[in-house]
Structure formats: structure tokens, C-alpha cells
N, C-alpha and C. Protein backbone atom coordinates (compact mmCIF):
# COMPACT_ATOMS: atom_id res chain seq x y z
N MET A 1 2.44 7.91 5.44
CA MET A 1 2.84 6.67 4.82
C MET A 1 2.50 5.57 5.51
N LEU A 2 3.29 5.38 7.11
CA LEU A 2 3.18 4.43 7.53
C LEU A 2 1.47 4.46 8.21
N ASP A 3 0.85 5.42 8.49
CA ASP A 3 -0.34 5.32 8.84
C ASP A 3 -1.13 4.37 8.23
N ALA A 4 -0.78 5.00 6.92
CA ALA A 4 -1.76 4.13 5.85
C ALA A 4 -1.67 2.74 5.42
N ALA A 5 -0.33 2.58 5.52
CA ALA A 5 0.24 1.48 5.37
C ALA A 5 0.06 0.14 6.30
N GLY A 6 -0.61 1.04 7.54
CA GLY A 6 -1.03 0.15 8.46
C GLY A 6 -2.43 -0.74 8.51
N ALA A 7 -2.74 -0.27 7.33
CA ALA A 7 -3.90 -0.69 6.52
C ALA A 7 -4.14 -2.32 6.73
N MET A 8 -2.82 -2.88 6.70
CA MET A 8 -2.81 -4.37 6.73
C MET A 8 -3.65 -5.12 8.24
N ALA A 9 -3.72 -4.22 9.18
CA ALA A 9 -4.49 -4.66 10.19
C ALA A 9 -6.00 -4.83 10.22
N PHE A 10 -6.47 -4.43 9.08
CA PHE A 10 -7.86 -4.39 8.87
C PHE A 10 -8.05 -5.66 8.08
N ALA A 11 -7.21 -6.16 7.63
CA ALA A 11 -7.19 -7.57 6.82
C ALA A 11 -6.95 -8.84 7.73
N LYS A 12 -6.43 -8.24 8.96
CA LYS A 12 -6.08 -9.79 9.89
C LYS A 12 -7.21 -10.54 10.47
N GLY A 13 -6.75 -12.01 9.87
CA GLY A 13 -7.79 -13.25 9.88
C GLY A 13 -8.64 -13.13 8.74
N CYS A 14 -8.25 -12.35 7.66
CA CYS A 14 -9.06 -12.52 6.67
C CYS A 14 -8.28 -13.37 5.70
N THR A 15 -8.84 -13.76 4.48
CA THR A 15 -8.37 -14.38 3.06
C THR A 15 -8.93 -13.52 1.98
N ALA A 16 -8.04 -13.87 1.04
CA ALA A 16 -8.21 -13.46 -0.47
C ALA A 16 -9.92 -13.44 -0.64
N ASP A 17 -10.28 -14.75 -0.41
CA ASP A 17 -11.77 -15.13 -0.76
C ASP A 17 -12.67 -13.82 -0.02
N ASP A 18 -12.35 -13.62 1.23
CA ASP A 18 -12.83 -12.69 2.24
C ASP A 18 -13.00 -11.13 1.29
N LEU A 19 -11.76 -10.70 0.95
CA LEU A 19 -11.70 -9.54 0.32
C LEU A 19 -12.70 -9.51 -0.96
N ARG A 20 -12.35 -10.60 -1.69
CA ARG A 20 -13.50 -10.77 -2.96
C ARG A 20 -14.92 -10.67 -2.16
N GLY A 21 -15.45 -11.17 -1.31
CA GLY A 21 -16.54 -11.13 -0.81
C GLY A 21 -17.16 -9.94 0.09
N ASN A 22 -16.22 -8.93 0.55
CA ASN A 22 -16.72 -7.62 1.14
C ASN A 22 -16.05 -6.50 0.40
N ARG A 23 -16.93 -6.25 -0.10
CA ARG A 23 -16.24 -4.79 -0.76
C ARG A 23 -16.42 -3.52 0.15
N MET A 24 -16.80 -3.57 1.06
CA MET A 24 -16.43 -2.72 1.97
C MET A 24 -15.16 -2.73 2.53
N LEU A 25 -14.52 -3.95 2.62
CA LEU A 25 -13.31 -4.38 3.08
C LEU A 25 -12.05 -3.74 1.88
N LEU A 26 -12.62 -4.29 0.67
CA LEU A 26 -12.06 -4.07 -0.24
C LEU A 26 -11.63 -2.39 -0.53
N LEU A 27 -12.79 -1.86 -0.75
CA LEU A 27 -12.24 -0.35 -0.68
C LEU A 27 -11.62 0.30 0.25
N LEU A 28 -11.59 0.07 1.53
CA LEU A 28 -10.89 0.51 2.55
C LEU A 28 -9.56 0.39 2.68
N LEU A 29 -9.44 -1.30 1.91
CA LEU A 29 -7.80 -1.23 1.55
C LEU A 29 -7.14 -0.61 0.40
N VAL A 30 -8.04 -0.50 -0.68
CA VAL A 30 -7.67 0.19 -1.73
C VAL A 30 -7.21 1.71 -1.59
N LYS A 31 -8.50 2.14 -0.48
CA LYS A 31 -7.88 3.60 -0.15
C LYS A 31 -6.80 3.70 0.48
N GLU A 32 -6.53 3.08 1.32
CA GLU A 32 -5.12 2.84 2.22
C GLU A 32 -4.17 2.70 1.34
N ILE A 33 -3.94 2.15 0.48
CA ILE A 33 -2.98 2.07 -0.45
C ILE A 33 -2.87 3.13 -1.46
N GLU A 34 -3.83 3.74 -1.66
CA GLU A 34 -3.87 5.03 -2.67
C GLU A 34 -3.28 6.03 -1.75
N ILE A 35 -3.73 6.23 -0.40
CA ILE A 35 -2.96 7.13 0.57
C ILE A 35 -1.57 6.84 0.27
N VAL A 36 -1.08 5.74 0.61
CA VAL A 36 0.39 5.30 0.70
C VAL A 36 1.00 5.97 -0.76
N GLY A 37 0.31 5.49 -1.63
CA GLY A 37 0.92 6.00 -3.03
C GLY A 37 1.21 7.60 -3.00
N GLU A 38 0.06 8.38 -2.65
CA GLU A 38 -0.27 9.27 -2.60
C GLU A 38 0.97 10.36 -1.71
N ALA A 39 1.18 9.93 -0.59
CA ALA A 39 1.95 10.39 0.41
C ALA A 39 3.69 10.23 -0.34
N ALA A 40 3.84 8.83 -1.14
CA ALA A 40 4.75 8.69 -1.56
C ALA A 40 5.42 9.67 -2.69
N THR A 41 4.29 10.48 -3.20
CA THR A 41 4.69 11.12 -4.11
C THR A 41 5.16 12.56 -3.73
N GLN A 42 4.68 12.66 -2.48
CA GLN A 42 5.24 13.87 -1.66
C GLN A 42 6.45 13.98 -1.15
N ILE A 43 7.07 13.14 -1.17
CA ILE A 43 8.86 12.86 -0.65
C ILE A 43 9.30 13.34 -1.59
N SER A 44 10.65 14.08 -1.32
CA SER A 44 11.62 14.42 -2.44
C SER A 44 12.25 13.65 -3.21
N GLU A 45 12.63 14.05 -4.51
CA GLU A 45 13.30 12.96 -5.22
C GLU A 45 14.84 12.83 -4.82
N GLU A 46 15.46 13.58 -3.78
CA GLU A 46 16.56 13.55 -3.07
C GLU A 46 16.45 12.44 -1.89
N PHE A 47 15.32 12.52 -1.20
CA PHE A 47 15.27 11.46 -0.17
C PHE A 47 15.15 10.09 -1.07
N ARG A 48 13.99 10.07 -1.78
CA ARG A 48 13.88 8.89 -2.70
C ARG A 48 15.08 8.03 -3.23
N ALA A 49 15.89 8.68 -3.76
CA ALA A 49 17.45 8.37 -4.19
C ALA A 49 18.01 7.85 -2.92
N SER A 50 18.04 8.32 -2.05
CA SER A 50 18.94 8.30 -0.80
C SER A 50 18.32 6.61 0.02
N ARG A 51 17.05 6.34 -0.37
CA ARG A 51 16.29 5.17 0.03
C ARG A 51 16.06 4.35 -0.98
N PRO A 52 16.95 3.69 -1.90
CA PRO A 52 16.55 2.60 -2.73
C PRO A 52 16.13 1.28 -2.39
N ASP A 53 16.17 1.15 -1.32
CA ASP A 53 15.48 0.13 -0.73
C ASP A 53 14.04 -0.15 -0.47
N ILE A 54 13.45 1.49 -0.87
CA ILE A 54 11.93 1.45 -0.61
C ILE A 54 11.53 1.76 -2.22
N PRO A 55 10.36 0.68 -3.02
CA PRO A 55 9.93 0.61 -4.17
C PRO A 55 9.25 1.82 -4.49
N TRP A 56 9.79 2.90 -4.76
CA TRP A 56 9.21 4.23 -4.73
C TRP A 56 8.17 4.45 -6.25
N ALA A 57 8.57 3.88 -6.92
CA ALA A 57 8.23 3.59 -8.46
C ALA A 57 6.78 2.78 -8.32
N ALA A 58 6.90 1.69 -8.12
CA ALA A 58 6.02 0.43 -7.31
C ALA A 58 4.72 1.28 -6.59
N ILE A 59 5.45 1.82 -5.70
CA ILE A 59 4.18 2.03 -4.78
C ILE A 59 3.55 3.34 -5.49
N ARG A 60 4.05 4.34 -6.16
CA ARG A 60 3.39 5.49 -6.91
C ARG A 60 2.49 4.68 -8.06
N GLY A 61 3.09 3.66 -8.70
CA GLY A 61 2.31 3.11 -9.98
C GLY A 61 1.44 2.34 -9.25
N MET A 62 1.07 1.88 -8.06
CA MET A 62 -0.03 1.01 -7.93
C MET A 62 -0.96 2.11 -7.29
N ARG A 63 -0.63 3.35 -7.12
CA ARG A 63 -1.46 3.97 -6.53
C ARG A 63 -2.29 4.91 -7.84
N ASN A 64 -1.37 4.94 -8.72
CA ASN A 64 -1.85 5.14 -10.21
C ASN A 64 -2.61 4.56 -11.00
N ARG A 65 -2.65 3.37 -10.80
CA ARG A 65 -3.31 2.35 -11.26
C ARG A 65 -4.83 2.22 -10.55
N LEU A 66 -4.71 1.92 -9.15
CA LEU A 66 -5.93 1.95 -8.03
C LEU A 66 -6.80 3.45 -8.39
N ILE A 67 -6.24 4.36 -8.81
CA ILE A 67 -6.85 5.85 -8.93
C ILE A 67 -7.50 6.04 -10.33
N HIS A 68 -7.11 5.34 -11.33
CA HIS A 68 -7.41 5.60 -12.62
C HIS A 68 -7.99 4.57 -13.14
N ALA A 69 -7.73 3.20 -12.66
CA ALA A 69 -8.69 1.93 -13.04
C ALA A 69 -9.62 1.64 -12.48
N TYR A 70 -10.12 2.44 -11.30
CA TYR A 70 -10.76 1.89 -10.02
C TYR A 70 -11.78 0.72 -10.43
N ALA A 71 -12.31 0.57 -11.89
CA ALA A 71 -13.69 0.10 -12.40
C ALA A 71 -12.71 -1.53 -12.43
N ASP A 72 -11.54 -1.66 -12.71
CA ASP A 72 -10.86 -2.74 -13.06
C ASP A 72 -9.72 -3.08 -11.80
N VAL A 73 -10.06 -3.21 -10.65
CA VAL A 73 -9.06 -3.63 -9.44
C VAL A 73 -8.99 -5.40 -9.48
N ASN A 74 -7.55 -5.31 -9.62
CA ASN A 74 -7.29 -6.75 -9.51
C ASN A 74 -7.13 -6.92 -7.75
N VAL A 75 -7.92 -7.74 -7.50
CA VAL A 75 -8.35 -8.00 -5.97
C VAL A 75 -7.09 -8.98 -5.68
N GLY A 76 -6.57 -9.93 -6.49
CA GLY A 76 -5.40 -10.71 -6.09
C GLY A 76 -4.19 -9.74 -5.96
N LEU A 77 -4.18 -9.19 -6.69
CA LEU A 77 -3.01 -7.90 -6.15
C LEU A 77 -3.04 -7.15 -5.31
N VAL A 78 -4.31 -6.56 -4.88
CA VAL A 78 -4.56 -5.54 -3.56
C VAL A 78 -4.40 -6.66 -2.50
N TRP A 79 -4.69 -7.73 -2.38
CA TRP A 79 -4.38 -8.81 -1.47
C TRP A 79 -2.80 -9.22 -1.28
N SER A 80 -2.35 -9.29 -2.60
CA SER A 80 -0.80 -9.58 -2.13
C SER A 80 0.13 -8.02 -1.65
N THR A 81 -0.40 -7.27 -1.99
CA THR A 81 0.15 -5.75 -1.26
C THR A 81 -0.01 -5.55 0.11
N VAL A 82 -1.40 -6.29 0.39
CA VAL A 82 -1.62 -6.07 2.00
C VAL A 82 -0.90 -7.01 2.78
N ILE A 83 -0.67 -8.38 2.32
CA ILE A 83 -0.47 -9.34 3.15
C ILE A 83 1.69 -9.33 2.95
N SER A 84 1.76 -8.76 1.81
CA SER A 84 3.40 -9.05 1.63
C SER A 84 3.91 -7.95 1.44
N ASP A 85 3.83 -7.00 0.60
CA ASP A 85 4.20 -5.62 0.64
C ASP A 85 4.10 -4.69 1.63
N LEU A 86 2.91 -4.38 2.43
CA LEU A 86 2.65 -3.35 3.38
C LEU A 86 3.21 -3.80 4.51
N PRO A 87 3.70 -5.04 4.92
CA PRO A 87 4.28 -5.40 6.42
C PRO A 87 5.88 -5.05 6.25
N GLU A 88 6.54 -5.19 4.71
CA GLU A 88 7.81 -5.01 4.45
C GLU A 88 7.79 -3.54 4.58
N LEU A 89 7.05 -2.81 3.99
CA LEU A 89 7.01 -1.36 3.97
C LEU A 89 6.90 -0.57 5.31
N VAL A 90 6.05 -1.30 6.05
CA VAL A 90 5.99 -0.82 7.66
C VAL A 90 7.30 -0.88 8.29
N ARG A 91 7.94 -2.14 7.97
CA ARG A 91 9.13 -2.74 8.95
C ARG A 91 10.01 -1.12 8.29
N ILE A 92 10.37 -1.01 7.14
CA ILE A 92 11.43 0.16 6.66
C ILE A 92 10.95 1.15 7.36
N LEU A 93 9.69 1.81 7.13
CA LEU A 93 9.27 2.93 7.53
C LEU A 93 9.59 3.24 9.18
N GLU A 94 9.32 2.08 9.97
CA GLU A 94 9.34 2.32 11.82
C GLU A 94 10.91 2.57 11.58
N THR A 95 11.69 1.58 11.01
CA THR A 95 13.30 1.48 11.12
C THR A 95 13.65 3.20 10.68
N LEU A 96 13.08 3.45 9.73
CA LEU A 96 13.87 4.69 9.13
C LEU A 96 13.38 5.90 10.42
N LEU A 97 12.18 6.09 10.96
CA LEU A 97 11.69 6.68 11.62
C LEU A 97 12.48 6.48 13.01
N SER A 98 12.96 5.63 13.19
CA SER A 98 13.53 5.32 14.36
C SER A 98 15.18 5.84 14.39
N GLU A 99 15.54 6.02 13.12
CA GLU A 99 16.77 6.48 13.10
C GLU A 99 17.30 8.11 13.67
């Protein structure tokens, strides 16, 4: 999860408009977000319950939406995920791994 969540580095210096105009960047970020969601499904229910600070259901839901509605990707939501949600997830996962 941590490795794929680091996808935000690919968007450094970019804007939402850049994402709209760069299909390769959009597909790269979508794939990394899908990987984060897939990895989250591999985490045991017990562990997920022990870490309610991680939005497990939202992570898995985003993955499902991107996988199954690929023709209708909300670029604004992808952008928001990359610039707002992934940095926080990375922070939490790095703290968790250091414990």
C-alpha cells in the first residue's frame, strides 16, 4: 500500500488541469490508486478493525469504482485523492511501519 500510495510523487508540480490533459499521467495515478485499494483488501478484518483511523471502506470503494467504471473516471476525484488523501495515508502507513 505504501509503495503505491507514493504515486502522489508523479503528480508533483502538476495541476488538476494537467491531469485532465495528460492521459498517461491519469492512467498511471488511477492504476496506483487501484493497487492501494487492492492491497487494502488483503489486510485482515481484525487489523482493519484495530486501525479505524485508516478509511478502509473508502479505499476499497475507490478501487472498486475505478476498476468497474473505468470509462467514467471522475478526474477531479482522482486529483483530490492524489493531493489530499494519499499524503495522509502515506503518513499513517509510515508511522504504522515504524511502530
